[in-house]
Amino acid sequence: QVQLVESGGGLVQPGGSLRLSCAASGILFSLSRMAWYRQAPGKQRELAAAITSGGNTDYADSVKGRFTISKDNGKNTVHLQMNNLKAEDTAVYYCYTRFMGDDYWGQGTQVTVSS
């Protein structure tokens, strides 16, 4: 059974930092591409960052230079370090992977950037 469990969301002031984590089970983690998506109120879900099994990364233009995605294959965990957060980063953040032809999502973690 595939499970993706996110943690690390919360309320932070503009300019602050948060680190999201996603613990994965039931997949071949070291061989998996992992991604973080986000969905703001009234908007479509969008890709924030992704990392391949080989460590190649991809970022939305809006987060480049501020967010860093990383994988810890020893702990089956993917992280999203978010720095210099802005109000427009407020969203529910979802961990995502595709395994054996199926899409899997975590339950989501709320990130709110507000003073």
N, C-alpha and C. Protein backbone atom coordinates (compact mmCIF):
# COMPACT_ATOMS: atom_id res chain seq x y z
N GLN A 1 0.85 -1.19 0.00
CA GLN A 1 0.00 0.00 0.00
C GLN A 1 0.89 1.24 0.00
N VAL A 2 0.64 2.12 -0.96
CA VAL A 2 1.44 3.33 -1.07
C VAL A 2 0.87 4.39 -0.13
N GLN A 3 1.77 5.00 0.63
CA GLN A 3 1.37 6.10 1.50
C GLN A 3 2.37 7.25 1.38
N LEU A 4 1.85 8.46 1.31
CA LEU A 4 2.65 9.68 1.33
C LEU A 4 2.11 10.53 2.47
N VAL A 5 2.95 10.82 3.44
CA VAL A 5 2.52 11.55 4.62
C VAL A 5 3.34 12.82 4.75
N GLU A 6 2.67 13.97 4.61
CA GLU A 6 3.34 15.26 4.67
C GLU A 6 3.35 15.80 6.10
N SER A 7 4.33 16.64 6.36
CA SER A 7 4.40 17.36 7.63
C SER A 7 5.18 18.65 7.41
N GLY A 8 5.06 19.57 8.36
CA GLY A 8 5.89 20.76 8.34
C GLY A 8 5.19 22.05 7.94
N GLY A 9 3.92 21.99 7.60
CA GLY A 9 3.22 23.22 7.25
C GLY A 9 2.95 24.07 8.48
N GLY A 10 2.39 25.26 8.23
CA GLY A 10 2.06 26.15 9.34
C GLY A 10 1.91 27.58 8.90
N LEU A 11 1.88 28.45 9.90
CA LEU A 11 1.75 29.89 9.67
C LEU A 11 3.12 30.55 9.81
N VAL A 12 3.49 31.36 8.84
CA VAL A 12 4.78 32.04 8.88
C VAL A 12 4.61 33.45 8.33
N GLN A 13 5.44 34.36 8.81
CA GLN A 13 5.39 35.74 8.33
C GLN A 13 6.09 35.86 6.98
N PRO A 14 5.72 36.85 6.20
CA PRO A 14 6.44 37.08 4.94
C PRO A 14 7.93 37.23 5.18
N GLY A 15 8.71 36.59 4.31
CA GLY A 15 10.16 36.58 4.47
C GLY A 15 10.67 35.42 5.29
N GLY A 16 9.78 34.68 5.91
CA GLY A 16 10.17 33.56 6.75
C GLY A 16 10.42 32.29 5.96
N SER A 17 10.71 31.21 6.69
CA SER A 17 11.04 29.92 6.08
C SER A 17 10.22 28.80 6.71
N LEU A 18 10.00 27.78 5.91
CA LEU A 18 9.39 26.54 6.37
C LEU A 18 10.05 25.38 5.63
N ARG A 19 10.05 24.23 6.26
CA ARG A 19 10.55 23.02 5.61
C ARG A 19 9.47 21.97 5.66
N LEU A 20 9.01 21.56 4.48
CA LEU A 20 8.03 20.49 4.38
C LEU A 20 8.73 19.15 4.19
N SER A 21 8.14 18.11 4.75
CA SER A 21 8.66 16.76 4.57
C SER A 21 7.54 15.83 4.12
N CYS A 22 7.91 14.84 3.34
CA CYS A 22 6.95 13.84 2.88
C CYS A 22 7.61 12.47 3.04
N ALA A 23 7.04 11.67 3.93
CA ALA A 23 7.54 10.31 4.16
C ALA A 23 6.76 9.35 3.28
N ALA A 24 7.48 8.60 2.46
CA ALA A 24 6.85 7.69 1.51
C ALA A 24 7.04 6.24 1.93
N SER A 25 6.05 5.41 1.64
CA SER A 25 6.16 3.98 1.87
C SER A 25 5.40 3.25 0.76
N GLY A 26 5.80 2.02 0.53
CA GLY A 26 5.12 1.21 -0.48
C GLY A 26 5.57 1.43 -1.90
N ILE A 27 6.64 2.23 -2.09
CA ILE A 27 7.16 2.48 -3.43
C ILE A 27 8.66 2.23 -3.44
N LEU A 28 9.22 2.13 -4.65
CA LEU A 28 10.67 2.04 -4.78
C LEU A 28 11.20 3.47 -4.76
N PHE A 29 11.39 4.00 -3.57
CA PHE A 29 11.61 5.43 -3.40
C PHE A 29 12.83 5.90 -4.16
N SER A 30 13.92 5.18 -4.08
CA SER A 30 15.16 5.65 -4.71
C SER A 30 15.03 5.73 -6.23
N LEU A 31 14.08 5.02 -6.80
CA LEU A 31 13.88 5.02 -8.25
C LEU A 31 12.73 5.92 -8.68
N SER A 32 12.13 6.61 -7.72
CA SER A 32 10.92 7.37 -7.99
C SER A 32 11.19 8.86 -8.16
N ARG A 33 10.47 9.44 -9.11
CA ARG A 33 10.41 10.90 -9.21
C ARG A 33 9.38 11.37 -8.18
N MET A 34 9.76 12.36 -7.39
CA MET A 34 8.88 12.91 -6.37
C MET A 34 8.62 14.38 -6.67
N ALA A 35 7.45 14.84 -6.26
CA ALA A 35 7.11 16.25 -6.56
C ALA A 35 6.26 16.84 -5.45
N TRP A 36 6.32 18.15 -5.38
CA TRP A 36 5.42 18.93 -4.52
C TRP A 36 4.54 19.79 -5.42
N TYR A 37 3.24 19.65 -5.22
CA TYR A 37 2.27 20.51 -5.88
C TYR A 37 1.63 21.41 -4.82
N ARG A 38 1.01 22.48 -5.28
CA ARG A 38 0.31 23.34 -4.33
C ARG A 38 -0.99 23.84 -4.96
N GLN A 39 -1.94 24.11 -4.10
CA GLN A 39 -3.23 24.61 -4.56
C GLN A 39 -3.69 25.73 -3.65
N ALA A 40 -3.76 26.93 -4.21
CA ALA A 40 -4.24 28.08 -3.48
C ALA A 40 -5.76 28.16 -3.61
N PRO A 41 -6.43 28.84 -2.70
CA PRO A 41 -7.89 28.95 -2.75
C PRO A 41 -8.35 29.53 -4.09
N GLY A 42 -9.28 28.83 -4.73
CA GLY A 42 -9.84 29.30 -5.99
C GLY A 42 -8.96 29.12 -7.19
N LYS A 43 -7.83 28.43 -7.02
CA LYS A 43 -6.91 28.22 -8.13
C LYS A 43 -6.69 26.75 -8.38
N GLN A 44 -6.15 26.46 -9.57
CA GLN A 44 -5.84 25.07 -9.92
C GLN A 44 -4.57 24.62 -9.21
N ARG A 45 -4.48 23.32 -8.99
CA ARG A 45 -3.27 22.75 -8.42
C ARG A 45 -2.14 22.92 -9.43
N GLU A 46 -0.97 23.32 -8.92
CA GLU A 46 0.17 23.56 -9.80
C GLU A 46 1.42 22.91 -9.23
N LEU A 47 2.34 22.57 -10.14
CA LEU A 47 3.62 22.02 -9.72
C LEU A 47 4.47 23.11 -9.10
N ALA A 48 5.00 22.83 -7.90
CA ALA A 48 5.94 23.76 -7.28
C ALA A 48 7.39 23.32 -7.53
N ALA A 49 7.65 22.02 -7.32
CA ALA A 49 9.01 21.51 -7.48
C ALA A 49 8.97 20.01 -7.67
N ALA A 50 9.97 19.49 -8.38
CA ALA A 50 10.06 18.05 -8.61
C ALA A 50 11.52 17.63 -8.61
N ILE A 51 11.75 16.35 -8.29
CA ILE A 51 13.10 15.81 -8.29
C ILE A 51 13.05 14.39 -8.84
N THR A 52 13.95 14.10 -9.76
CA THR A 52 13.98 12.77 -10.37
C THR A 52 14.80 11.82 -9.52
N SER A 53 14.79 10.55 -9.91
CA SER A 53 15.58 9.55 -9.20
C SER A 53 17.07 9.88 -9.28
N GLY A 54 17.47 10.55 -10.34
CA GLY A 54 18.87 10.91 -10.51
C GLY A 54 19.24 12.22 -9.85
N GLY A 55 18.27 12.88 -9.23
CA GLY A 55 18.55 14.12 -8.53
C GLY A 55 18.34 15.38 -9.34
N ASN A 56 17.87 15.25 -10.57
CA ASN A 56 17.58 16.45 -11.35
C ASN A 56 16.33 17.13 -10.81
N THR A 57 16.36 18.44 -10.75
CA THR A 57 15.26 19.19 -10.15
C THR A 57 14.59 20.12 -11.17
N ASP A 58 13.35 20.44 -10.87
CA ASP A 58 12.57 21.34 -11.71
C ASP A 58 11.71 22.18 -10.77
N TYR A 59 11.62 23.49 -11.07
CA TYR A 59 10.88 24.39 -10.22
C TYR A 59 9.95 25.27 -11.03
N ALA A 60 8.82 25.62 -10.43
CA ALA A 60 7.98 26.66 -11.02
C ALA A 60 8.76 27.97 -11.02
N ASP A 61 8.54 28.79 -12.04
CA ASP A 61 9.25 30.07 -12.12
C ASP A 61 9.04 30.91 -10.87
N SER A 62 7.86 30.81 -10.29
CA SER A 62 7.51 31.65 -9.15
C SER A 62 8.27 31.29 -7.87
N VAL A 63 8.89 30.11 -7.83
CA VAL A 63 9.59 29.69 -6.61
C VAL A 63 11.09 29.52 -6.82
N LYS A 64 11.55 29.66 -8.05
CA LYS A 64 12.98 29.49 -8.33
C LYS A 64 13.82 30.46 -7.49
N GLY A 65 14.88 29.92 -6.91
CA GLY A 65 15.76 30.74 -6.09
C GLY A 65 15.30 30.85 -4.65
N ARG A 66 14.09 30.39 -4.35
CA ARG A 66 13.57 30.47 -2.97
C ARG A 66 13.29 29.09 -2.38
N PHE A 67 12.87 28.15 -3.22
CA PHE A 67 12.54 26.79 -2.78
C PHE A 67 13.62 25.81 -3.22
N THR A 68 13.86 24.80 -2.39
CA THR A 68 14.80 23.74 -2.74
C THR A 68 14.17 22.40 -2.39
N ILE A 69 14.11 21.51 -3.39
CA ILE A 69 13.60 20.16 -3.15
C ILE A 69 14.78 19.21 -3.03
N SER A 70 14.65 18.24 -2.13
CA SER A 70 15.72 17.27 -1.94
C SER A 70 15.13 15.92 -1.54
N LYS A 71 15.90 14.85 -1.81
CA LYS A 71 15.47 13.49 -1.46
C LYS A 71 16.46 12.87 -0.50
N ASP A 72 15.96 12.17 0.49
CA ASP A 72 16.78 11.37 1.40
C ASP A 72 16.38 9.92 1.16
N ASN A 73 17.14 9.22 0.32
CA ASN A 73 16.78 7.85 -0.04
C ASN A 73 16.90 6.90 1.15
N GLY A 74 17.75 7.23 2.10
CA GLY A 74 17.90 6.37 3.27
C GLY A 74 16.68 6.40 4.18
N LYS A 75 15.94 7.53 4.12
CA LYS A 75 14.76 7.68 4.98
C LYS A 75 13.46 7.72 4.18
N ASN A 76 13.56 7.46 2.88
CA ASN A 76 12.37 7.50 2.02
C ASN A 76 11.58 8.80 2.22
N THR A 77 12.29 9.90 2.25
CA THR A 77 11.66 11.19 2.53
C THR A 77 12.10 12.23 1.52
N VAL A 78 11.14 13.04 1.11
CA VAL A 78 11.44 14.17 0.23
C VAL A 78 11.11 15.45 1.01
N HIS A 79 11.99 16.43 0.87
CA HIS A 79 11.83 17.69 1.59
C HIS A 79 11.63 18.83 0.61
N LEU A 80 10.95 19.87 1.10
CA LEU A 80 10.86 21.12 0.36
C LEU A 80 11.21 22.26 1.32
N GLN A 81 12.40 22.80 1.13
CA GLN A 81 12.84 23.95 1.91
C GLN A 81 12.34 25.21 1.23
N MET A 82 11.56 25.98 1.97
CA MET A 82 10.96 27.19 1.40
C MET A 82 11.47 28.41 2.16
N ASN A 83 12.17 29.27 1.47
CA ASN A 83 12.74 30.48 2.06
C ASN A 83 12.11 31.72 1.44
N ASN A 84 12.26 32.83 2.14
CA ASN A 84 11.74 34.12 1.66
C ASN A 84 10.29 33.98 1.20
N LEU A 85 9.48 33.40 2.06
CA LEU A 85 8.09 33.12 1.69
C LEU A 85 7.30 34.40 1.50
N LYS A 86 6.37 34.31 0.55
CA LYS A 86 5.53 35.44 0.20
C LYS A 86 4.06 35.08 0.41
N ALA A 87 3.22 36.08 0.51
CA ALA A 87 1.79 35.83 0.72
C ALA A 87 1.22 34.94 -0.37
N GLU A 88 1.74 35.09 -1.59
CA GLU A 88 1.23 34.29 -2.71
C GLU A 88 1.67 32.83 -2.66
N ASP A 89 2.52 32.48 -1.70
CA ASP A 89 2.87 31.07 -1.50
C ASP A 89 1.85 30.35 -0.64
N THR A 90 0.90 31.08 -0.08
CA THR A 90 -0.14 30.47 0.74
C THR A 90 -0.94 29.47 -0.09
N ALA A 91 -0.99 28.23 0.40
CA ALA A 91 -1.65 27.16 -0.34
C ALA A 91 -1.61 25.89 0.50
N VAL A 92 -2.34 24.90 0.03
CA VAL A 92 -2.16 23.55 0.55
C VAL A 92 -1.12 22.88 -0.34
N TYR A 93 -0.11 22.31 0.28
CA TYR A 93 0.99 21.67 -0.44
C TYR A 93 0.82 20.15 -0.37
N TYR A 94 0.92 19.53 -1.55
CA TYR A 94 0.72 18.10 -1.67
C TYR A 94 1.98 17.41 -2.19
N CYS A 95 2.30 16.30 -1.59
CA CYS A 95 3.36 15.43 -2.08
C CYS A 95 2.76 14.51 -3.14
N TYR A 96 3.52 14.24 -4.20
CA TYR A 96 3.00 13.44 -5.32
C TYR A 96 4.09 12.52 -5.86
N THR A 97 3.63 11.31 -6.26
CA THR A 97 4.49 10.44 -7.04
C THR A 97 3.63 9.57 -7.95
N ARG A 98 4.25 8.98 -8.91
CA ARG A 98 3.59 8.05 -9.81
C ARG A 98 4.34 6.74 -9.70
N PHE A 99 3.60 5.64 -9.44
CA PHE A 99 4.24 4.34 -9.21
C PHE A 99 3.41 3.26 -9.87
N MET A 100 4.04 2.44 -10.65
CA MET A 100 3.37 1.33 -11.33
C MET A 100 2.15 1.82 -12.11
N GLY A 101 2.26 3.00 -12.72
CA GLY A 101 1.20 3.51 -13.57
C GLY A 101 0.08 4.23 -12.85
N ASP A 102 0.17 4.34 -11.53
CA ASP A 102 -0.87 5.03 -10.76
C ASP A 102 -0.31 6.28 -10.10
N ASP A 103 -1.19 7.29 -9.94
CA ASP A 103 -0.83 8.54 -9.27
C ASP A 103 -1.17 8.43 -7.78
N TYR A 104 -0.26 8.95 -6.97
CA TYR A 104 -0.48 8.94 -5.52
C TYR A 104 -0.24 10.34 -4.96
N TRP A 105 -1.13 10.74 -4.06
CA TRP A 105 -1.06 12.06 -3.42
C TRP A 105 -1.08 11.92 -1.92
N GLY A 106 -0.38 12.82 -1.25
CA GLY A 106 -0.51 12.90 0.19
C GLY A 106 -1.79 13.64 0.55
N GLN A 107 -2.01 13.77 1.85
CA GLN A 107 -3.25 14.40 2.32
C GLN A 107 -3.18 15.91 2.27
N GLY A 108 -2.00 16.45 2.10
CA GLY A 108 -1.82 17.89 2.01
C GLY A 108 -1.47 18.51 3.35
N THR A 109 -0.69 19.59 3.28
CA THR A 109 -0.35 20.35 4.48
C THR A 109 -0.49 21.84 4.15
N GLN A 110 -1.13 22.55 5.07
CA GLN A 110 -1.44 23.96 4.83
C GLN A 110 -0.22 24.83 5.14
N VAL A 111 0.08 25.72 4.21
CA VAL A 111 1.10 26.75 4.41
C VAL A 111 0.42 28.10 4.28
N THR A 112 0.51 28.89 5.33
CA THR A 112 -0.10 30.22 5.32
C THR A 112 0.98 31.26 5.59
N VAL A 113 1.12 32.20 4.67
CA VAL A 113 2.11 33.27 4.82
C VAL A 113 1.35 34.56 5.06
N SER A 114 1.48 35.08 6.26
CA SER A 114 0.71 36.27 6.63
C SER A 114 1.35 36.97 7.81
N SER A 115 1.23 38.27 7.83
CA SER A 115 1.73 39.04 8.97
C SER A 115 0.62 39.25 10.00
